[in-house]
Structures are given as C-alpha cells and as structure tokens.
C-alpha cells in the first residue's frame, strides 16, 4: 500500500504542539526557577523533564503541565522512566501523557498533577507488555 493511501485511511493525529497547548521554553524555565539554562537542559537530559522542538524556530520547550513554580513536577521523573523502559520516544511519551483516556477518565498528565502517579505508572508499565 502506498503512503498516500495509508495516510488517507488512518485518522490524523493532532500535531504535538497543538495536543499539548501550553509550552515553556527552556530559557523561560531557567528564569522562572532562577537557575542557569544549562541546568534546565540537564534536567531534560536526566529524564526529569521532556522537551520537544516547537514553533517556527523549532526551539526546545517543555509542556507547561510538566512544571511547577519550584521546578519539574515531582511525579514526572519516575513516570518518564517507566515510559522509556517501554521504549517510548520523548515525543511518544508526551503524546501518551496528553491523550485523553476514557478509562481514567481524562489525560494521564492531569492524573499525575492530581497525585495519582501509581495508577499512571501501572498503566505505563502495561504498555511495555
């Protein structure tokens, strides 16, 4: 089957930028947290945050729901570790966290922000099998 036919049959996923909605650019996070921007880059590298390239300039940004006034959302790091163990790319992990799941109900990222990390990690672990 050619690519054109396949893309016509499959539902189009929303662009990651649109799915997430609100983003924070890395220099803005550094300013918000009063730390060097290199530390924010390190947080991404260490798996405490996920970033994607967005906008016309393709600048790296973090979904706003991944951060708090004090730093990265605490429940995020362990969840990202489980998603990486399930072989998710950063983009796939962001997409999964921001996609509605009627069995929750809602989005996994919202459940994390509500303190339901155990439930979300259990679901993420199941994805690896």
N, C-alpha and C. Protein backbone atom coordinates (compact mmCIF):
# COMPACT_ATOMS: atom_id res chain seq x y z
N UNK A 1 0.86 -1.17 0.00
CA UNK A 1 0.00 0.00 0.00
C UNK A 1 0.90 1.23 0.00
N UNK A 2 0.55 2.21 -0.81
CA UNK A 2 1.40 3.40 -0.83
C UNK A 2 1.09 4.32 0.34
N UNK A 3 2.00 5.24 0.60
CA UNK A 3 1.87 6.12 1.76
C UNK A 3 0.63 6.99 1.69
N UNK A 4 0.30 7.48 0.52
CA UNK A 4 -0.87 8.36 0.38
C UNK A 4 -2.15 7.62 0.78
N UNK A 5 -2.28 6.37 0.36
CA UNK A 5 -3.48 5.60 0.71
C UNK A 5 -3.52 5.33 2.20
N UNK A 6 -2.38 5.00 2.77
CA UNK A 6 -2.33 4.69 4.19
C UNK A 6 -2.69 5.93 5.02
N UNK A 7 -2.16 7.09 4.67
CA UNK A 7 -2.45 8.29 5.46
C UNK A 7 -3.91 8.72 5.29
N UNK A 8 -4.52 8.38 4.17
CA UNK A 8 -5.93 8.72 3.95
C UNK A 8 -6.84 7.86 4.84
N UNK A 9 -6.46 6.59 5.03
CA UNK A 9 -7.28 5.67 5.81
C UNK A 9 -7.16 5.90 7.32
N UNK A 10 -5.95 6.24 7.78
CA UNK A 10 -5.72 6.39 9.21
C UNK A 10 -6.14 7.78 9.68
N UNK A 11 -6.73 7.84 10.87
CA UNK A 11 -7.08 9.17 11.39
C UNK A 11 -5.80 9.97 11.65
N UNK A 12 -5.86 11.24 11.34
CA UNK A 12 -4.71 12.12 11.51
C UNK A 12 -4.56 12.49 12.99
N UNK A 13 -3.37 12.24 13.56
CA UNK A 13 -3.11 12.66 14.93
C UNK A 13 -2.87 14.16 14.96
N UNK A 14 -3.30 14.83 16.00
CA UNK A 14 -3.01 16.26 16.08
C UNK A 14 -1.50 16.48 16.23
N UNK A 15 -1.03 17.61 15.76
CA UNK A 15 0.37 17.95 15.94
C UNK A 15 0.66 17.99 17.43
N UNK A 16 1.85 17.56 17.81
CA UNK A 16 2.22 17.52 19.22
C UNK A 16 2.06 18.89 19.86
N UNK A 17 2.47 19.92 19.15
CA UNK A 17 2.37 21.29 19.66
C UNK A 17 0.93 21.65 20.00
N UNK A 18 0.00 21.24 19.14
CA UNK A 18 -1.42 21.53 19.36
C UNK A 18 -2.02 20.65 20.46
N UNK A 19 -1.60 19.39 20.52
CA UNK A 19 -2.12 18.46 21.52
C UNK A 19 -1.81 18.98 22.93
N UNK A 20 -0.59 19.44 23.13
CA UNK A 20 -0.16 19.91 24.45
C UNK A 20 -0.76 21.28 24.77
N UNK A 21 -0.73 22.17 23.81
CA UNK A 21 -1.28 23.51 24.04
C UNK A 21 -0.25 24.48 24.60
N UNK A 22 -0.06 24.49 25.91
CA UNK A 22 0.84 25.45 26.54
C UNK A 22 2.22 24.85 26.77
N UNK A 23 3.24 25.63 26.36
CA UNK A 23 4.64 25.21 26.46
C UNK A 23 5.45 26.29 27.15
N UNK A 24 6.55 25.86 27.78
CA UNK A 24 7.53 26.79 28.35
C UNK A 24 8.87 26.52 27.69
N UNK A 25 9.48 27.58 27.15
CA UNK A 25 10.79 27.43 26.54
C UNK A 25 11.85 27.32 27.63
N UNK A 26 12.93 26.61 27.35
CA UNK A 26 13.93 26.33 28.36
C UNK A 26 14.50 27.59 29.02
N UNK A 27 14.84 28.64 28.26
CA UNK A 27 15.35 29.85 28.93
C UNK A 27 14.31 30.48 29.87
N UNK A 28 13.04 30.37 29.52
CA UNK A 28 11.98 30.91 30.39
C UNK A 28 11.90 30.13 31.70
N UNK A 29 12.10 28.81 31.62
CA UNK A 29 12.08 28.00 32.84
C UNK A 29 13.27 28.35 33.72
N UNK A 30 14.42 28.55 33.10
CA UNK A 30 15.61 28.92 33.86
C UNK A 30 15.36 30.23 34.62
N UNK A 31 14.74 31.17 33.95
CA UNK A 31 14.44 32.45 34.59
C UNK A 31 13.41 32.26 35.71
N UNK A 32 12.39 31.48 35.44
CA UNK A 32 11.32 31.24 36.43
C UNK A 32 11.89 30.60 37.70
N UNK A 33 12.82 29.65 37.52
CA UNK A 33 13.38 28.92 38.66
C UNK A 33 14.67 29.55 39.18
N UNK A 34 15.10 30.62 38.53
CA UNK A 34 16.33 31.33 38.92
C UNK A 34 17.54 30.39 38.95
N UNK A 35 17.70 29.67 37.85
CA UNK A 35 18.85 28.76 37.68
C UNK A 35 19.44 28.98 36.29
N UNK A 36 20.67 28.54 36.06
CA UNK A 36 21.25 28.65 34.71
C UNK A 36 20.48 27.77 33.72
N UNK A 37 20.38 28.22 32.49
CA UNK A 37 19.65 27.44 31.47
C UNK A 37 20.30 26.07 31.26
N UNK A 38 21.59 25.96 31.51
CA UNK A 38 22.25 24.66 31.37
C UNK A 38 21.67 23.64 32.35
N UNK A 39 21.24 24.10 33.51
CA UNK A 39 20.61 23.17 34.47
C UNK A 39 19.28 22.65 33.95
N UNK A 40 18.54 23.51 33.26
CA UNK A 40 17.27 23.07 32.67
C UNK A 40 17.57 22.03 31.58
N UNK A 41 18.59 22.28 30.76
CA UNK A 41 18.99 21.30 29.74
C UNK A 41 19.38 19.98 30.41
N UNK A 42 20.08 20.06 31.53
CA UNK A 42 20.47 18.85 32.25
C UNK A 42 19.25 18.09 32.77
N UNK A 43 18.24 18.82 33.22
CA UNK A 43 17.01 18.17 33.69
C UNK A 43 16.36 17.37 32.56
N UNK A 44 16.41 17.92 31.36
CA UNK A 44 15.87 17.20 30.20
C UNK A 44 16.74 15.97 29.94
N UNK A 45 18.04 16.16 29.95
CA UNK A 45 18.97 15.05 29.70
C UNK A 45 18.88 13.94 30.73
N UNK A 46 18.60 14.31 31.98
CA UNK A 46 18.50 13.34 33.08
C UNK A 46 17.14 12.65 33.14
N UNK A 47 16.19 13.09 32.31
CA UNK A 47 14.87 12.48 32.32
C UNK A 47 13.94 13.03 33.38
N UNK A 48 14.25 14.19 33.93
CA UNK A 48 13.34 14.83 34.89
C UNK A 48 12.27 15.63 34.17
N UNK A 49 12.56 15.99 32.92
CA UNK A 49 11.64 16.75 32.06
C UNK A 49 11.71 16.19 30.66
N UNK A 50 10.68 16.40 29.88
CA UNK A 50 10.68 16.09 28.45
C UNK A 50 10.54 17.39 27.69
N UNK A 51 11.27 17.49 26.60
CA UNK A 51 11.19 18.67 25.75
C UNK A 51 10.98 18.24 24.31
N UNK A 52 10.40 19.13 23.53
CA UNK A 52 10.21 18.91 22.10
C UNK A 52 10.52 20.21 21.38
N UNK A 53 10.82 20.11 20.11
CA UNK A 53 11.06 21.31 19.31
C UNK A 53 9.73 21.77 18.74
N UNK A 54 9.40 23.05 19.01
CA UNK A 54 8.11 23.57 18.57
C UNK A 54 8.28 24.93 17.91
N UNK A 55 7.23 25.36 17.24
CA UNK A 55 7.19 26.69 16.65
C UNK A 55 8.00 26.80 15.38
N UNK A 56 7.94 27.97 14.78
CA UNK A 56 8.64 28.22 13.52
C UNK A 56 10.15 28.06 13.68
N UNK A 57 10.66 28.43 14.85
CA UNK A 57 12.10 28.36 15.07
C UNK A 57 12.55 27.00 15.58
N UNK A 58 11.60 26.11 15.82
CA UNK A 58 11.90 24.77 16.33
C UNK A 58 12.74 24.81 17.61
N UNK A 59 12.38 25.73 18.50
CA UNK A 59 13.07 25.86 19.78
C UNK A 59 12.57 24.79 20.75
N UNK A 60 13.46 24.34 21.63
CA UNK A 60 13.08 23.31 22.61
C UNK A 60 12.20 23.93 23.69
N UNK A 61 11.12 23.21 23.98
CA UNK A 61 10.18 23.67 25.01
C UNK A 61 9.64 22.46 25.76
N UNK A 62 9.14 22.72 26.96
CA UNK A 62 8.59 21.71 27.85
C UNK A 62 7.10 21.98 28.01
N UNK A 63 6.26 20.95 27.97
CA UNK A 63 4.84 21.19 28.25
C UNK A 63 4.67 21.86 29.61
N UNK A 64 3.87 22.92 29.67
CA UNK A 64 3.69 23.69 30.90
C UNK A 64 3.17 22.85 32.06
N UNK A 65 2.39 21.82 31.77
CA UNK A 65 1.86 20.98 32.85
C UNK A 65 2.92 20.09 33.48
N UNK A 66 4.14 20.06 32.91
CA UNK A 66 5.24 19.29 33.48
C UNK A 66 6.00 20.07 34.54
N UNK A 67 5.64 21.33 34.75
CA UNK A 67 6.42 22.15 35.67
C UNK A 67 5.54 22.78 36.75
N UNK A 68 6.20 23.14 37.84
CA UNK A 68 5.57 23.87 38.93
C UNK A 68 6.37 25.15 39.14
N UNK A 69 5.95 25.97 40.05
CA UNK A 69 6.70 27.19 40.35
C UNK A 69 8.09 26.87 40.88
N UNK A 70 8.24 25.72 41.54
CA UNK A 70 9.50 25.37 42.18
C UNK A 70 10.43 24.50 41.32
N UNK A 71 9.92 23.89 40.27
CA UNK A 71 10.73 23.00 39.44
C UNK A 71 9.86 22.01 38.70
N UNK A 72 10.49 20.94 38.20
CA UNK A 72 9.72 19.92 37.48
C UNK A 72 8.69 19.26 38.38
N UNK A 73 7.58 18.84 37.80
CA UNK A 73 6.55 18.09 38.51
C UNK A 73 7.20 16.84 39.09
N UNK A 74 7.13 16.66 40.40
CA UNK A 74 7.83 15.57 41.09
C UNK A 74 7.47 14.18 40.56
N UNK A 75 6.20 13.95 40.27
CA UNK A 75 5.76 12.62 39.85
C UNK A 75 6.17 12.28 38.42
N UNK A 76 6.74 13.25 37.72
CA UNK A 76 7.06 13.05 36.31
C UNK A 76 8.26 12.14 36.10
N UNK A 77 9.32 12.30 36.91
CA UNK A 77 10.57 11.57 36.65
C UNK A 77 10.36 10.06 36.63
N UNK A 78 9.74 9.50 37.64
CA UNK A 78 9.52 8.06 37.68
C UNK A 78 8.62 7.58 36.55
N UNK A 79 7.63 8.39 36.21
CA UNK A 79 6.72 8.05 35.11
C UNK A 79 7.48 8.03 33.79
N UNK A 80 8.35 9.02 33.58
CA UNK A 80 9.15 9.05 32.35
C UNK A 80 10.08 7.86 32.27
N UNK A 81 10.61 7.45 33.39
CA UNK A 81 11.48 6.28 33.43
C UNK A 81 10.72 5.02 32.98
N UNK A 82 9.50 4.87 33.47
CA UNK A 82 8.68 3.72 33.08
C UNK A 82 8.36 3.77 31.58
N UNK A 83 8.03 4.96 31.07
CA UNK A 83 7.72 5.09 29.64
C UNK A 83 8.96 4.80 28.78
N UNK A 84 10.12 5.23 29.24
CA UNK A 84 11.36 4.93 28.49
C UNK A 84 11.63 3.43 28.50
N UNK A 85 11.38 2.78 29.65
CA UNK A 85 11.54 1.33 29.72
C UNK A 85 10.61 0.62 28.75
N UNK A 86 9.47 1.25 28.46
CA UNK A 86 8.51 0.70 27.50
C UNK A 86 8.87 1.10 26.06
N UNK A 87 10.07 1.66 25.87
CA UNK A 87 10.63 2.04 24.56
C UNK A 87 9.91 3.21 23.91
N UNK A 88 9.32 4.09 24.71
CA UNK A 88 8.69 5.30 24.18
C UNK A 88 9.77 6.33 23.86
N UNK A 89 9.63 6.99 22.73
CA UNK A 89 10.46 8.16 22.46
C UNK A 89 9.91 9.31 23.28
N UNK A 90 10.66 10.41 23.36
CA UNK A 90 10.16 11.57 24.10
C UNK A 90 8.84 12.06 23.53
N UNK A 91 8.76 12.13 22.20
CA UNK A 91 7.52 12.60 21.58
C UNK A 91 6.36 11.65 21.87
N UNK A 92 6.60 10.36 21.79
CA UNK A 92 5.55 9.39 22.08
C UNK A 92 5.09 9.49 23.53
N UNK A 93 6.04 9.72 24.44
CA UNK A 93 5.69 9.85 25.85
C UNK A 93 4.84 11.09 26.09
N UNK A 94 5.22 12.20 25.48
CA UNK A 94 4.42 13.42 25.62
C UNK A 94 3.03 13.19 25.06
N UNK A 95 2.97 12.58 23.88
CA UNK A 95 1.67 12.33 23.24
C UNK A 95 0.80 11.44 24.13
N UNK A 96 1.37 10.37 24.71
CA UNK A 96 0.60 9.48 25.57
C UNK A 96 0.10 10.22 26.81
N UNK A 97 0.96 11.02 27.41
CA UNK A 97 0.58 11.75 28.62
C UNK A 97 -0.52 12.78 28.38
N UNK A 98 -0.62 13.29 27.15
CA UNK A 98 -1.60 14.33 26.84
C UNK A 98 -2.81 13.84 26.05
N UNK A 99 -2.93 12.54 25.86
CA UNK A 99 -4.06 11.99 25.11
C UNK A 99 -5.13 11.51 26.09
N UNK A 100 -6.37 11.93 25.85
CA UNK A 100 -7.48 11.51 26.70
C UNK A 100 -7.58 10.00 26.76
N UNK A 101 -7.87 9.51 27.95
CA UNK A 101 -8.09 8.09 28.18
C UNK A 101 -9.41 7.98 28.93
N UNK A 102 -10.43 7.49 28.24
CA UNK A 102 -11.76 7.45 28.86
C UNK A 102 -11.81 6.54 30.07
N UNK A 103 -10.85 5.61 30.23
CA UNK A 103 -10.87 4.73 31.39
C UNK A 103 -10.31 5.41 32.63
N UNK A 104 -9.68 6.58 32.49
CA UNK A 104 -9.14 7.27 33.68
C UNK A 104 -10.24 7.95 34.49
N UNK A 105 -11.08 8.77 34.05
CA UNK A 105 -11.17 9.47 32.77
C UNK A 105 -10.23 10.68 32.76
N UNK A 106 -9.93 11.15 31.56
CA UNK A 106 -9.06 12.30 31.40
C UNK A 106 -7.72 11.92 30.80
N UNK A 107 -6.75 12.79 31.00
CA UNK A 107 -5.42 12.57 30.45
C UNK A 107 -4.47 12.13 31.56
N UNK A 108 -3.51 11.26 31.24
CA UNK A 108 -2.55 10.84 32.25
C UNK A 108 -1.83 12.02 32.92
N UNK A 109 -1.50 13.07 32.17
CA UNK A 109 -0.80 14.21 32.78
C UNK A 109 -1.66 14.86 33.85
N UNK A 110 -2.95 14.93 33.66
CA UNK A 110 -3.83 15.52 34.67
C UNK A 110 -3.88 14.64 35.91
N UNK A 111 -3.91 13.32 35.70
CA UNK A 111 -3.90 12.39 36.84
C UNK A 111 -2.61 12.53 37.64
N UNK A 112 -1.48 12.71 36.95
CA UNK A 112 -0.21 12.93 37.65
C UNK A 112 -0.26 14.19 38.50
N UNK A 113 -0.81 15.24 37.94
CA UNK A 113 -0.90 16.52 38.68
C UNK A 113 -1.84 16.40 39.87
N UNK A 114 -2.79 15.45 39.80
CA UNK A 114 -3.73 15.22 40.91
C UNK A 114 -3.16 14.26 41.95
N UNK A 115 -1.92 13.78 41.73
CA UNK A 115 -1.29 12.89 42.70
C UNK A 115 -1.57 11.42 42.48
N UNK A 116 -2.06 11.06 41.31
CA UNK A 116 -2.39 9.65 41.02
C UNK A 116 -1.27 8.97 40.23
N UNK A 117 -0.01 9.15 40.68
CA UNK A 117 1.13 8.63 39.93
C UNK A 117 1.18 7.11 39.89
N UNK A 118 0.77 6.43 40.95
CA UNK A 118 0.83 4.97 40.97
C UNK A 118 -0.04 4.38 39.87
N UNK A 119 -1.24 4.90 39.73
CA UNK A 119 -2.15 4.43 38.68
C UNK A 119 -1.57 4.66 37.29
N UNK A 120 -0.98 5.83 37.07
CA UNK A 120 -0.44 6.16 35.76
C UNK A 120 0.79 5.31 35.47
N UNK A 121 1.64 5.11 36.44
CA UNK A 121 2.83 4.26 36.22
C UNK A 121 2.44 2.82 35.95
N UNK A 122 1.41 2.35 36.62
CA UNK A 122 0.93 0.99 36.37
C UNK A 122 0.45 0.85 34.92
N UNK A 123 -0.27 1.85 34.45
CA UNK A 123 -0.75 1.84 33.05
C UNK A 123 0.42 1.93 32.08
N UNK A 124 1.41 2.76 32.42
CA UNK A 124 2.58 2.90 31.54
C UNK A 124 3.36 1.59 31.49
N UNK A 125 3.48 0.92 32.62
CA UNK A 125 4.17 -0.38 32.65
C UNK A 125 3.47 -1.40 31.78
N UNK A 126 2.16 -1.39 31.79
CA UNK A 126 1.38 -2.33 30.98
C UNK A 126 1.64 -2.13 29.49
N UNK A 127 2.01 -0.93 29.09
CA UNK A 127 2.28 -0.66 27.68
C UNK A 127 3.49 -1.42 27.17
N UNK A 128 4.41 -1.77 28.07
CA UNK A 128 5.62 -2.48 27.66
C UNK A 128 5.34 -3.93 27.31
N UNK A 129 4.22 -4.45 27.77
CA UNK A 129 3.91 -5.87 27.52
C UNK A 129 3.05 -5.96 26.34
